[in-house]
N, C-alpha and C. Protein backbone atom coordinates (compact mmCIF):
# COMPACT_ATOMS: atom_id res chain seq x y z
N GLU A 1 -6.80 13.65 14.16
CA GLU A 1 -7.63 12.54 14.73
C GLU A 1 -9.13 13.09 14.38
N ILE A 2 -9.49 12.41 13.75
CA ILE A 2 -10.95 11.84 13.54
C ILE A 2 -11.69 11.81 14.89
N GLY A 3 -11.46 11.39 16.30
CA GLY A 3 -12.50 11.71 17.28
C GLY A 3 -12.39 13.07 17.87
N GLN A 4 -11.72 14.01 17.48
CA GLN A 4 -11.95 15.76 17.65
C GLN A 4 -13.24 15.71 17.20
N PHE A 5 -14.10 15.13 16.12
CA PHE A 5 -15.11 15.67 15.89
C PHE A 5 -16.22 14.43 15.36
N LEU A 6 -15.80 13.45 15.55
CA LEU A 6 -16.85 12.04 15.36
C LEU A 6 -16.63 11.39 16.84
N ASP A 7 -17.88 11.15 17.33
CA ASP A 7 -17.79 10.26 18.83
C ASP A 7 -17.85 8.71 18.04
N TYR A 8 -17.11 8.15 18.33
CA TYR A 8 -17.08 6.85 17.89
C TYR A 8 -15.94 5.60 18.70
N ASP A 9 -16.17 4.58 18.35
CA ASP A 9 -15.44 3.65 19.37
C ASP A 9 -14.31 2.62 19.05
N SER A 10 -14.58 2.37 17.52
CA SER A 10 -13.04 2.27 16.69
C SER A 10 -13.22 2.29 15.27
N GLY A 11 -12.47 2.19 14.48
CA GLY A 11 -12.86 2.50 13.16
C GLY A 11 -11.39 2.16 12.49
N SER A 12 -11.52 2.11 11.24
CA SER A 12 -10.16 1.46 10.36
C SER A 12 -10.20 2.46 9.12
N PHE A 13 -9.38 2.34 8.64
CA PHE A 13 -8.44 2.95 7.34
C PHE A 13 -8.66 1.93 6.38
N MET A 14 -9.30 1.64 5.32
CA MET A 14 -8.86 0.37 4.59
C MET A 14 -8.55 0.17 3.21
N VAL A 15 -7.44 -0.35 2.09
CA VAL A 15 -7.48 -0.26 0.94
C VAL A 15 -7.83 -1.30 0.63
N VAL A 16 -8.21 -1.17 -0.96
CA VAL A 16 -8.46 -2.19 -2.17
C VAL A 16 -7.07 -2.85 -2.50
N HIS A 17 -7.14 -3.99 -1.86
CA HIS A 17 -6.10 -5.13 -2.02
C HIS A 17 -6.54 -6.31 -3.22
N GLY A 18 -6.11 -6.11 -4.61
CA GLY A 18 -6.43 -7.19 -5.37
C GLY A 18 -7.72 -7.26 -5.60
N ALA A 19 -8.57 -7.97 -6.42
CA ALA A 19 -9.67 -7.98 -6.64
C ALA A 19 -11.22 -8.18 -6.00
N ALA A 20 -10.89 -8.63 -4.79
CA ALA A 20 -11.80 -8.98 -3.91
C ALA A 20 -11.32 -8.79 -2.27
N GLN A 21 -10.29 -7.86 -2.01
CA GLN A 21 -9.81 -7.94 -0.48
C GLN A 21 -9.64 -6.22 -0.33
N LEU A 22 -10.17 -6.08 1.11
CA LEU A 22 -9.34 -4.56 1.89
C LEU A 22 -8.47 -5.02 3.05
N GLN A 23 -7.55 -4.22 2.74
CA GLN A 23 -6.30 -4.39 3.97
C GLN A 23 -6.42 -3.33 5.10
N MET A 24 -6.39 -3.33 6.04
CA MET A 24 -6.57 -2.61 6.98
C MET A 24 -5.11 -1.68 7.15
N ILE A 25 -5.07 -0.51 6.84
CA ILE A 25 -4.34 0.13 7.14
C ILE A 25 -3.90 1.12 8.53
N TYR A 26 -5.21 1.16 8.76
CA TYR A 26 -5.01 1.59 10.37
C TYR A 26 -6.15 1.47 11.15
N TYR A 27 -6.17 0.93 12.41
CA TYR A 27 -7.28 0.61 13.33
C TYR A 27 -6.87 1.39 14.37
N ARG A 28 -8.30 1.69 14.78
CA ARG A 28 -7.94 2.33 16.60
C ARG A 28 -9.51 1.90 17.27
N GLY A 29 -9.48 1.21 17.97
CA GLY A 29 -10.09 0.72 19.02
C GLY A 29 -9.72 -0.22 19.52
N PRO A 30 -10.99 -1.10 20.89
CA PRO A 30 -10.04 -2.60 21.09
C PRO A 30 -9.62 -3.35 20.64
N ASN A 31 -8.83 -3.80 21.77
CA ASN A 31 -7.50 -4.72 21.03
C ASN A 31 -8.33 -5.86 20.92
N LEU A 32 -7.79 -6.54 19.61
CA LEU A 32 -9.20 -7.86 19.35
C LEU A 32 -7.77 -8.11 18.15
N PRO A 33 -7.43 -9.44 18.44
CA PRO A 33 -6.32 -10.14 17.87
C PRO A 33 -6.32 -10.67 16.44
N GLN A 34 -7.81 -10.28 15.55
CA GLN A 34 -8.14 -10.41 14.28
C GLN A 34 -8.35 -9.20 13.54
N VAL A 35 -7.84 -7.75 14.39
CA VAL A 35 -7.88 -7.03 14.07
C VAL A 35 -6.30 -5.92 13.96
N GLY A 36 -6.31 -5.52 13.06
CA GLY A 36 -4.99 -4.81 13.56
C GLY A 36 -4.37 -4.38 11.57
N LYS A 37 -3.44 -3.82 11.49
CA LYS A 37 -2.60 -3.60 10.41
C LYS A 37 -2.03 -4.56 9.60
N ASP A 38 -2.83 -4.43 8.14
CA ASP A 38 -2.24 -5.54 7.45
C ASP A 38 -3.46 -6.61 6.84
N THR A 39 -4.07 -6.20 7.98
CA THR A 39 -5.90 -7.79 8.37
C THR A 39 -6.30 -7.39 6.78
N LEU A 40 -6.89 -8.69 5.91
CA LEU A 40 -7.51 -8.95 5.11
C LEU A 40 -9.47 -8.97 5.29
N TRP A 41 -9.76 -7.96 4.89
CA TRP A 41 -11.40 -8.71 4.48
C TRP A 41 -11.76 -9.02 3.46
N PRO A 42 -12.87 -9.66 3.38
CA PRO A 42 -13.52 -9.33 1.66
C PRO A 42 -14.11 -8.32 1.82
N LEU A 43 -14.36 -7.83 0.21
CA LEU A 43 -15.00 -6.58 -0.31
C LEU A 43 -16.34 -7.58 -0.66
N THR A 44 -17.34 -7.31 0.01
CA THR A 44 -18.51 -8.37 0.20
C THR A 44 -19.81 -7.35 0.70
N ASN A 45 -21.03 -7.47 0.24
CA ASN A 45 -21.56 -6.89 0.95
C ASN A 45 -21.64 -5.89 1.55
N HIS A 46 -21.73 -5.18 3.89
CA HIS A 46 -21.40 -3.94 3.59
C HIS A 46 -20.51 -3.09 3.14
N HIS A 47 -18.82 -3.72 2.80
CA HIS A 47 -17.73 -3.03 2.30
C HIS A 47 -18.53 -2.93 0.95
N ALA A 48 -18.65 -4.21 0.21
CA ALA A 48 -18.75 -4.12 -1.11
C ALA A 48 -19.95 -3.15 -1.54
N LEU A 49 -21.11 -2.71 -1.23
CA LEU A 49 -21.94 -2.01 -1.48
C LEU A 49 -21.03 -0.41 -1.25
N VAL A 50 -20.66 0.12 0.08
CA VAL A 50 -19.92 1.09 -0.01
C VAL A 50 -19.11 1.30 -1.32
N TYR A 51 -17.96 0.22 -1.43
CA TYR A 51 -17.60 0.42 -2.61
C TYR A 51 -18.30 0.51 -4.62
N ASN A 52 -19.15 -0.07 -4.54
CA ASN A 52 -19.77 -0.29 -5.90
C ASN A 52 -20.82 1.28 -5.86
N THR A 53 -21.03 1.54 -4.47
CA THR A 53 -22.31 2.28 -4.84
C THR A 53 -21.70 4.00 -4.64
N ARG A 54 -20.08 3.66 -4.49
CA ARG A 54 -19.36 5.00 -3.56
C ARG A 54 -20.15 5.63 -3.36
N LYS A 55 -20.95 5.45 -2.44
CA LYS A 55 -21.71 6.19 -1.35
C LYS A 55 -21.23 5.73 0.24
N PRO A 56 -21.92 6.26 1.23
CA PRO A 56 -21.77 5.91 2.76
C PRO A 56 -22.98 4.66 2.89
N VAL A 57 -22.64 3.85 3.61
CA VAL A 57 -23.53 3.18 3.88
C VAL A 57 -22.92 3.08 5.53
N LEU A 58 -24.98 2.92 6.04
CA LEU A 58 -24.69 3.46 7.69
C LEU A 58 -26.03 1.93 8.15
N ILE A 59 -25.50 1.35 8.88
CA ILE A 59 -26.01 0.33 9.45
C ILE A 59 -26.10 1.00 11.34
N PRO A 60 -27.44 1.21 11.82
CA PRO A 60 -27.87 1.75 12.92
C PRO A 60 -27.86 1.17 14.03
N ASP A 61 -28.57 -0.27 13.68
CA ASP A 61 -28.35 -1.16 14.66
C ASP A 61 -28.14 -2.73 14.40
N THR A 62 -26.59 -3.14 14.33
CA THR A 62 -26.18 -4.24 13.91
C THR A 62 -27.15 -4.88 14.36
N GLN A 63 -27.94 -5.23 15.40
CA GLN A 63 -28.77 -6.37 16.16
C GLN A 63 -29.84 -6.33 15.64
N ALA A 64 -30.64 -5.58 14.25
CA ALA A 64 -32.28 -5.58 14.10
C ALA A 64 -32.02 -6.84 13.04
N ASP A 65 -33.17 -6.32 12.75
CA ASP A 65 -33.81 -7.80 11.68
C ASP A 65 -33.67 -7.43 10.34
N THR A 66 -33.16 -6.30 9.99
CA THR A 66 -33.01 -5.96 8.44
C THR A 66 -32.23 -6.70 7.48
N PRO A 67 -32.16 -6.34 6.19
CA PRO A 67 -30.95 -6.72 6.04
C PRO A 67 -29.65 -7.21 5.85
N ASP A 68 -29.36 -5.79 6.30
CA ASP A 68 -27.96 -5.18 5.94
C ASP A 68 -27.75 -5.49 7.34
N ALA A 69 -28.16 -5.66 8.64
CA ALA A 69 -27.69 -5.88 9.71
C ALA A 69 -27.75 -7.24 9.60
N ILE A 70 -28.21 -8.08 9.26
CA ILE A 70 -28.29 -9.18 9.14
C ILE A 70 -26.91 -10.11 8.77
N GLU A 71 -26.95 -9.58 7.73
CA GLU A 71 -25.51 -9.89 6.69
C GLU A 71 -24.53 -9.29 7.40
N PHE A 72 -24.58 -8.08 7.95
CA PHE A 72 -23.57 -7.53 8.50
C PHE A 72 -23.01 -8.39 9.79
N ARG A 73 -23.56 -8.99 10.87
CA ARG A 73 -24.28 -10.03 11.21
C ARG A 73 -23.37 -11.16 10.92
N ARG A 74 -23.58 -11.85 9.90
CA ARG A 74 -23.11 -12.99 9.25
C ARG A 74 -21.92 -12.71 9.10
N LEU A 75 -21.24 -11.62 8.19
CA LEU A 75 -19.66 -11.81 7.80
C LEU A 75 -18.99 -11.54 9.00
N THR A 76 -19.12 -10.15 10.06
CA THR A 76 -18.37 -9.89 11.15
C THR A 76 -18.26 -11.19 11.63
N ASN A 77 -19.80 -12.10 11.94
CA ASN A 77 -19.21 -12.99 12.60
C ASN A 77 -18.21 -14.69 12.25
N GLU A 78 -18.11 -14.45 10.89
CA GLU A 78 -17.04 -15.45 10.31
C GLU A 78 -15.82 -14.34 10.50
N HIS A 79 -15.43 -12.90 10.29
CA HIS A 79 -14.17 -12.94 10.79
C HIS A 79 -14.19 -13.08 12.31
N PHE A 80 -14.28 -12.56 12.96
CA PHE A 80 -14.55 -12.75 14.44
C PHE A 80 -14.74 -14.30 14.68
N ALA A 81 -15.05 -15.13 13.95
CA ALA A 81 -14.99 -16.43 14.87
C ALA A 81 -16.61 -16.73 15.42
N GLY A 82 -17.67 -16.08 15.27
CA GLY A 82 -19.00 -16.38 16.17
C GLY A 82 -18.99 -15.42 17.02
N VAL A 83 -18.30 -14.17 17.14
CA VAL A 83 -18.41 -13.75 18.57
C VAL A 83 -18.66 -12.21 17.44
N LEU A 84 -19.73 -11.59 17.34
CA LEU A 84 -19.63 -9.94 16.89
C LEU A 84 -18.96 -9.70 18.02
N PRO A 85 -17.93 -8.35 18.13
CA PRO A 85 -17.46 -7.24 18.80
C PRO A 85 -18.53 -6.59 19.73
N GLN A 86 -18.55 -6.31 20.83
CA GLN A 86 -19.81 -5.07 21.74
C GLN A 86 -19.83 -3.82 21.21
N HIS A 87 -18.64 -3.90 20.58
CA HIS A 87 -18.65 -2.20 20.05
C HIS A 87 -18.52 -1.73 19.23
N ILE A 88 -19.23 -2.88 18.38
CA ILE A 88 -20.13 -2.95 16.98
C ILE A 88 -21.47 -2.90 17.40
N VAL A 89 -22.59 -1.35 17.58
CA VAL A 89 -23.66 -1.85 17.90
C VAL A 89 -24.15 -0.64 16.23
N SER A 90 -23.00 0.31 15.86
CA SER A 90 -23.63 1.07 15.06
C SER A 90 -22.54 0.95 14.09
N TRP A 91 -23.08 0.69 12.87
CA TRP A 91 -21.45 1.14 12.13
C TRP A 91 -21.74 2.02 10.58
N LEU A 92 -20.77 3.03 10.27
CA LEU A 92 -20.64 3.58 9.20
C LEU A 92 -19.45 3.56 8.27
N GLY A 93 -19.68 3.18 7.46
CA GLY A 93 -18.69 2.92 5.94
C GLY A 93 -18.87 4.29 5.11
N VAL A 94 -17.70 4.75 4.67
CA VAL A 94 -17.71 5.89 3.34
C VAL A 94 -16.38 5.45 3.05
N PRO A 95 -16.82 5.86 1.24
CA PRO A 95 -15.73 5.36 0.47
C PRO A 95 -14.87 6.73 0.51
N MET A 96 -13.22 5.87 -0.43
CA MET A 96 -12.02 7.05 0.25
C MET A 96 -11.85 7.03 -1.43
N ILE A 97 -12.43 8.16 -2.31
CA ILE A 97 -12.24 7.97 -3.82
C ILE A 97 -11.40 9.13 -4.19
N VAL A 98 -10.81 9.00 -5.41
CA VAL A 98 -9.11 9.55 -5.67
C VAL A 98 -9.74 9.87 -7.22
N ASN A 99 -9.70 10.61 -8.07
CA ASN A 99 -9.40 10.86 -9.49
C ASN A 99 -11.35 9.84 -10.15
N GLY A 100 -12.24 9.73 -9.32
CA GLY A 100 -13.11 8.76 -9.24
C GLY A 100 -12.94 7.34 -9.07
N ARG A 101 -11.90 7.04 -8.59
CA ARG A 101 -12.30 5.72 -8.33
C ARG A 101 -11.84 5.47 -7.07
N VAL A 102 -12.90 4.40 -6.34
CA VAL A 102 -12.38 4.34 -5.02
C VAL A 102 -11.30 3.29 -4.46
N ILE A 103 -10.24 4.32 -3.63
CA ILE A 103 -9.30 3.11 -3.68
C ILE A 103 -9.11 2.48 -2.12
N GLY A 104 -10.45 2.83 -1.41
CA GLY A 104 -10.49 2.06 -0.02
C GLY A 104 -11.97 2.46 0.79
N LEU A 105 -11.68 2.79 2.00
CA LEU A 105 -13.22 2.54 2.91
C LEU A 105 -12.57 2.66 4.16
N LEU A 106 -13.50 4.19 4.82
CA LEU A 106 -13.25 4.42 6.31
C LEU A 106 -14.16 4.09 6.84
N THR A 107 -13.96 3.04 8.24
CA THR A 107 -15.76 2.80 8.77
C THR A 107 -15.20 2.97 10.05
N LEU A 108 -16.14 3.51 10.70
CA LEU A 108 -16.61 3.35 12.05
C LEU A 108 -17.59 2.68 12.55
N ASP A 109 -17.53 2.22 13.96
CA ASP A 109 -18.17 1.35 15.08
C ASP A 109 -18.31 2.37 16.29
N SER A 110 -20.00 1.94 16.79
CA SER A 110 -19.91 2.42 17.62
C SER A 110 -20.68 1.88 18.68
N THR A 111 -20.52 1.76 20.16
CA THR A 111 -21.20 1.19 21.07
C THR A 111 -22.82 1.21 21.61
N HIS A 112 -22.96 2.61 20.78
CA HIS A 112 -24.64 3.26 20.52
C HIS A 112 -25.41 3.10 19.68
N LEU A 113 -27.04 2.65 19.56
CA LEU A 113 -27.32 2.60 18.63
C LEU A 113 -27.61 4.15 17.90
N ASN A 114 -28.04 3.75 16.61
CA ASN A 114 -27.93 5.08 15.90
C ASN A 114 -27.20 6.20 16.56
N ALA A 115 -25.86 5.93 16.15
CA ALA A 115 -24.50 6.85 16.65
C ALA A 115 -24.17 7.71 16.04
N PHE A 116 -24.67 6.99 14.49
CA PHE A 116 -24.35 8.38 13.24
C PHE A 116 -25.19 9.25 12.49
N ASP A 117 -25.07 10.16 12.44
CA ASP A 117 -26.32 10.78 11.60
C ASP A 117 -25.68 11.43 10.16
N ALA A 118 -26.55 12.50 9.81
CA ALA A 118 -26.54 12.91 8.35
C ALA A 118 -25.03 13.27 8.56
N HIS A 119 -24.74 14.99 9.33
CA HIS A 119 -24.01 15.27 10.13
C HIS A 119 -22.71 14.57 9.83
N ASP A 120 -22.82 13.84 10.74
CA ASP A 120 -21.50 12.18 11.23
C ASP A 120 -21.19 12.09 9.87
N THR A 121 -21.89 11.55 8.66
CA THR A 121 -21.47 10.82 7.64
C THR A 121 -20.79 11.76 6.76
N ALA A 122 -21.49 13.05 6.79
CA ALA A 122 -20.40 14.58 5.80
C ALA A 122 -19.14 14.54 6.13
N LEU A 123 -19.09 14.97 7.70
CA LEU A 123 -17.64 14.70 8.11
C LEU A 123 -17.00 13.55 8.09
N ALA A 124 -17.52 12.10 8.16
CA ALA A 124 -16.80 11.13 7.75
C ALA A 124 -16.54 11.17 6.13
N LEU A 125 -17.22 11.50 5.42
CA LEU A 125 -16.80 11.24 3.71
C LEU A 125 -15.35 12.61 3.79
N ALA A 126 -15.77 13.85 4.61
CA ALA A 126 -14.38 14.73 4.05
C ALA A 126 -13.45 13.86 5.01
N VAL A 127 -13.28 13.54 5.81
CA VAL A 127 -12.50 13.33 6.22
C VAL A 127 -11.36 11.85 5.58
N ALA A 128 -12.60 11.16 5.04
CA ALA A 128 -12.22 9.84 3.90
C ALA A 128 -11.72 10.48 2.67
N GLN A 129 -12.13 11.68 1.80
CA GLN A 129 -11.53 11.99 1.10
C GLN A 129 -9.61 12.51 1.27
N GLN A 130 -10.04 13.49 2.34
CA GLN A 130 -8.49 13.72 3.02
C GLN A 130 -7.50 13.08 3.05
N ALA A 131 -8.15 11.64 3.98
CA ALA A 131 -6.84 10.23 3.83
C ALA A 131 -6.72 9.63 2.22
N ALA A 132 -8.06 9.62 1.27
CA ALA A 132 -7.33 9.00 0.03
C ALA A 132 -6.75 9.93 -0.53
N LEU A 133 -6.44 11.31 -0.84
CA LEU A 133 -5.48 11.71 -0.94
C LEU A 133 -4.29 12.03 -0.72
N ALA A 134 -4.39 11.72 0.96
CA ALA A 134 -3.08 11.59 1.30
C ALA A 134 -2.64 10.08 0.92
N ILE A 135 -3.19 9.08 0.90
CA ILE A 135 -2.96 7.70 0.35
C ILE A 135 -2.12 7.67 -1.15
N GLU A 136 -3.10 8.57 -1.99
CA GLU A 136 -2.42 8.41 -3.40
C GLU A 136 -1.34 9.27 -3.87
N ASN A 137 -1.27 10.08 -2.48
CA ASN A 137 -0.09 11.23 -2.94
C ASN A 137 1.39 10.60 -2.12
N ALA A 138 0.93 9.40 -1.21
CA ALA A 138 2.00 8.57 -0.95
C ALA A 138 2.60 7.23 -1.75
N ARG A 139 1.21 6.82 -2.29
CA ARG A 139 1.48 5.99 -3.41
C ARG A 139 2.24 6.52 -4.69
N LEU A 140 2.18 7.70 -5.16
CA LEU A 140 2.45 8.65 -6.13
C LEU A 140 4.31 8.56 -5.85
N HIS A 141 4.34 8.55 -4.57
CA HIS A 141 6.14 9.19 -3.68
C HIS A 141 6.65 8.52 -4.10
N ALA A 142 6.10 7.43 -3.94
CA ALA A 142 6.85 5.88 -3.57
C ALA A 142 6.93 5.67 -5.36
N GLN A 143 6.15 5.30 -6.31
CA GLN A 143 6.07 5.35 -7.07
C GLN A 143 7.50 6.22 -7.61
N SER A 144 7.52 7.99 -7.49
CA SER A 144 8.73 8.21 -8.59
C SER A 144 9.87 8.04 -7.33
N VAL A 145 9.90 7.41 -6.30
CA VAL A 145 11.37 6.97 -5.86
C VAL A 145 11.86 5.57 -6.21
N GLN A 146 10.87 5.05 -6.49
CA GLN A 146 11.26 4.10 -7.17
C GLN A 146 11.91 4.04 -8.62
N ALA A 147 11.01 5.21 -9.53
CA ALA A 147 11.42 5.19 -10.85
C ALA A 147 12.55 6.03 -10.59
N ALA A 148 12.59 7.01 -9.47
CA ALA A 148 14.28 7.46 -10.29
C ALA A 148 15.26 6.45 -9.56
N ALA A 149 15.10 5.83 -8.54
CA ALA A 149 15.96 4.54 -8.46
C ALA A 149 16.26 3.49 -10.11
N ASN A 150 15.13 3.27 -9.95
CA ASN A 150 15.27 2.43 -11.61
C ASN A 150 16.21 3.74 -12.59
N ALA A 151 16.13 4.68 -12.42
CA ALA A 151 17.01 5.22 -13.42
C ALA A 151 17.90 5.47 -13.17
N GLU A 152 18.51 5.59 -11.77
CA GLU A 152 19.97 5.84 -11.44
C GLU A 152 20.50 4.61 -11.71
N ARG A 153 19.91 3.07 -11.32
CA ARG A 153 20.19 2.19 -12.11
C ARG A 153 21.08 1.74 -13.59
N SER A 154 19.61 2.26 -14.38
CA SER A 154 20.13 2.16 -15.62
C SER A 154 21.27 3.46 -16.08
N ARG A 155 21.51 4.20 -15.54
CA ARG A 155 22.57 5.29 -15.76
C ARG A 155 23.90 4.88 -15.34
N LEU A 156 24.07 4.13 -14.09
CA LEU A 156 24.54 3.29 -13.43
C LEU A 156 25.73 2.23 -14.76
N ALA A 157 24.57 1.72 -14.98
CA ALA A 157 25.29 0.11 -16.21
C ALA A 157 24.90 0.73 -17.21
N ARG A 158 25.07 2.01 -17.63
CA ARG A 158 25.16 2.39 -18.88
C ARG A 158 27.13 3.60 -18.96
N ASP A 159 26.85 3.66 -17.93
CA ASP A 159 28.60 4.13 -16.94
C ASP A 159 29.54 3.27 -17.50
N LEU A 160 29.08 2.11 -17.01
CA LEU A 160 29.53 0.88 -16.32
C LEU A 160 30.22 0.54 -17.73
N HIS A 161 29.38 -0.01 -18.80
CA HIS A 161 29.02 -0.37 -19.30
C HIS A 161 30.59 0.33 -21.01
N ASP A 162 29.59 1.79 -20.57
CA ASP A 162 30.40 2.97 -21.51
C ASP A 162 31.77 3.33 -20.58
N GLY A 163 32.11 2.87 -20.06
CA GLY A 163 33.59 3.76 -18.87
C GLY A 163 34.55 2.22 -18.71
N PRO A 164 34.27 1.81 -17.44
CA PRO A 164 34.97 0.74 -16.71
C PRO A 164 35.20 -0.45 -17.66
N THR A 165 33.84 -1.00 -18.01
CA THR A 165 33.74 -2.05 -18.94
C THR A 165 34.98 -2.13 -20.56
N GLN A 166 34.50 -1.38 -20.72
CA GLN A 166 35.48 -0.74 -22.05
C GLN A 166 36.99 -1.14 -21.59
N SER A 167 37.29 -0.10 -20.58
CA SER A 167 38.40 -0.24 -20.09
C SER A 167 39.11 -1.55 -19.89
N VAL A 168 38.29 -2.06 -19.17
CA VAL A 168 38.73 -3.69 -18.42
C VAL A 168 38.92 -4.39 -19.58
N ALA A 169 37.87 -4.64 -21.11
CA ALA A 169 38.07 -5.32 -21.65
C ALA A 169 39.47 -4.79 -22.91
N ALA A 170 39.88 -3.65 -22.79
CA ALA A 170 40.83 -2.86 -23.46
C ALA A 170 41.93 -3.73 -22.70
N ILE A 171 41.87 -3.43 -21.91
CA ILE A 171 43.30 -4.19 -20.60
C ILE A 171 43.64 -5.82 -20.76
N ALA A 172 42.24 -6.48 -20.99
CA ALA A 172 42.48 -8.07 -21.21
C ALA A 172 42.77 -7.99 -22.58
N MET A 173 42.81 -7.56 -23.58
CA MET A 173 42.94 -7.51 -24.84
C MET A 173 44.60 -6.96 -25.09
N ARG A 174 45.36 -6.27 -24.23
CA ARG A 174 46.48 -5.86 -24.52
C ARG A 174 47.29 -7.02 -23.60
N LEU A 175 46.72 -7.29 -22.53
CA LEU A 175 47.35 -8.40 -21.86
C LEU A 175 47.78 -9.74 -22.53
N ASN A 176 46.65 -10.02 -23.47
CA ASN A 176 46.75 -11.21 -24.16
C ASN A 176 47.63 -11.14 -25.08
N ILE A 177 48.00 -9.52 -25.51
CA ILE A 177 49.17 -9.46 -26.93
C ILE A 177 50.45 -9.91 -25.87
N ILE A 178 50.18 -8.93 -24.98
CA ILE A 178 51.80 -9.32 -24.23
C ILE A 178 52.25 -10.75 -23.67
N ARG A 179 51.75 -11.42 -23.70
CA ARG A 179 51.56 -12.84 -22.87
C ARG A 179 51.91 -13.49 -24.25
N ARG A 180 51.97 -13.32 -25.61
CA ARG A 180 52.41 -13.68 -27.06
C ARG A 180 53.83 -12.74 -27.15
N MET A 181 53.57 -11.88 -26.23
CA MET A 181 55.38 -11.02 -26.91
C MET A 181 55.94 -11.73 -26.11
N MET A 182 55.94 -12.56 -24.74
CA MET A 182 56.69 -12.57 -23.67
C MET A 182 57.75 -14.57 -24.58
N THR A 183 57.28 -14.55 -25.25
CA THR A 183 57.64 -16.20 -25.73
C THR A 183 58.60 -15.33 -26.81
N LYS A 184 58.80 -14.01 -27.51
CA LYS A 184 59.58 -13.50 -28.63
C LYS A 184 60.06 -12.33 -28.04
N ASP A 185 59.79 -11.64 -27.05
CA ASP A 185 61.01 -10.56 -27.25
C ASP A 185 60.39 -9.99 -25.67
N VAL A 186 61.27 -10.33 -24.87
CA VAL A 186 60.90 -10.21 -22.98
C VAL A 186 61.07 -8.56 -23.05
N LYS A 187 61.90 -8.50 -23.43
CA LYS A 187 62.25 -6.46 -23.20
C LYS A 187 60.83 -5.93 -23.87
N MET A 188 60.88 -5.96 -24.93
CA MET A 188 59.52 -5.38 -25.32
C MET A 188 58.21 -5.56 -24.93
N ALA A 189 57.89 -6.53 -24.17
CA ALA A 189 56.74 -6.98 -23.13
C ALA A 189 56.66 -6.38 -21.80
N GLY A 190 57.91 -5.98 -21.32
CA GLY A 190 57.89 -5.33 -20.57
C GLY A 190 57.42 -3.79 -20.19
N GLU A 191 58.34 -3.61 -21.81
CA GLU A 191 57.94 -1.96 -21.90
C GLU A 191 56.62 -1.82 -22.05
N GLU A 192 55.79 -2.90 -22.77
CA GLU A 192 54.41 -3.32 -22.83
C GLU A 192 53.37 -3.39 -21.26
N LEU A 193 54.36 -3.97 -20.44
CA LEU A 193 53.49 -3.93 -19.56
C LEU A 193 53.57 -2.41 -18.58
N THR A 194 54.65 -2.04 -18.92
CA THR A 194 54.62 -0.64 -17.92
C THR A 194 53.49 0.50 -18.50
N LYS A 195 53.38 0.57 -20.33
CA LYS A 195 52.52 1.50 -20.66
C LYS A 195 51.31 1.06 -19.84
N LEU A 196 50.98 0.08 -20.22
CA LEU A 196 49.68 -0.50 -19.40
C LEU A 196 49.36 -0.25 -17.92
N GLU A 197 50.55 -0.39 -16.74
CA GLU A 197 49.71 0.18 -15.57
C GLU A 197 49.95 1.65 -15.57
N GLU A 198 50.52 2.62 -16.27
CA GLU A 198 50.60 3.77 -16.54
C GLU A 198 48.94 3.86 -16.92
């Protein structure tokens, strides 16, 4: 739990979803109807800045008159229908990077001004790196499970084609021959049916 190392009021892990969105996969904080697992956020401005620069972005005062704070309020107000949640006074976003690729963001909010410093940012980056590795490992595991399932389906299809399917085709051919025999030699047809049953 990151709360053991950092003092924050809400936080989330978001992964890149498509070309221009982030999907929230974990959220801890006040219960807000617009926030929860699978919430989608636009990959714009403060999120995009973290994503594109691959560096942390800190907004120490979301109510300030700085360009970052103004844009943060605009985007957040859009998402929260014009009401900036009170617990977002300071905001920190850090990238989650695997193999040189940004796969998502860790975001932290605080009700305090200037809540995060360089030490907090370094800790958040370390947590984000561990989370990125865990997410990537889970993704690779899911891919390997799917690949194994696909391989098993292919093997079963081959086995069915080479085994039972061939046997059923042979039985169907013999039944066709026996049907023709029924009109000419019933005894011989009966013997063939016995052989086919065996």
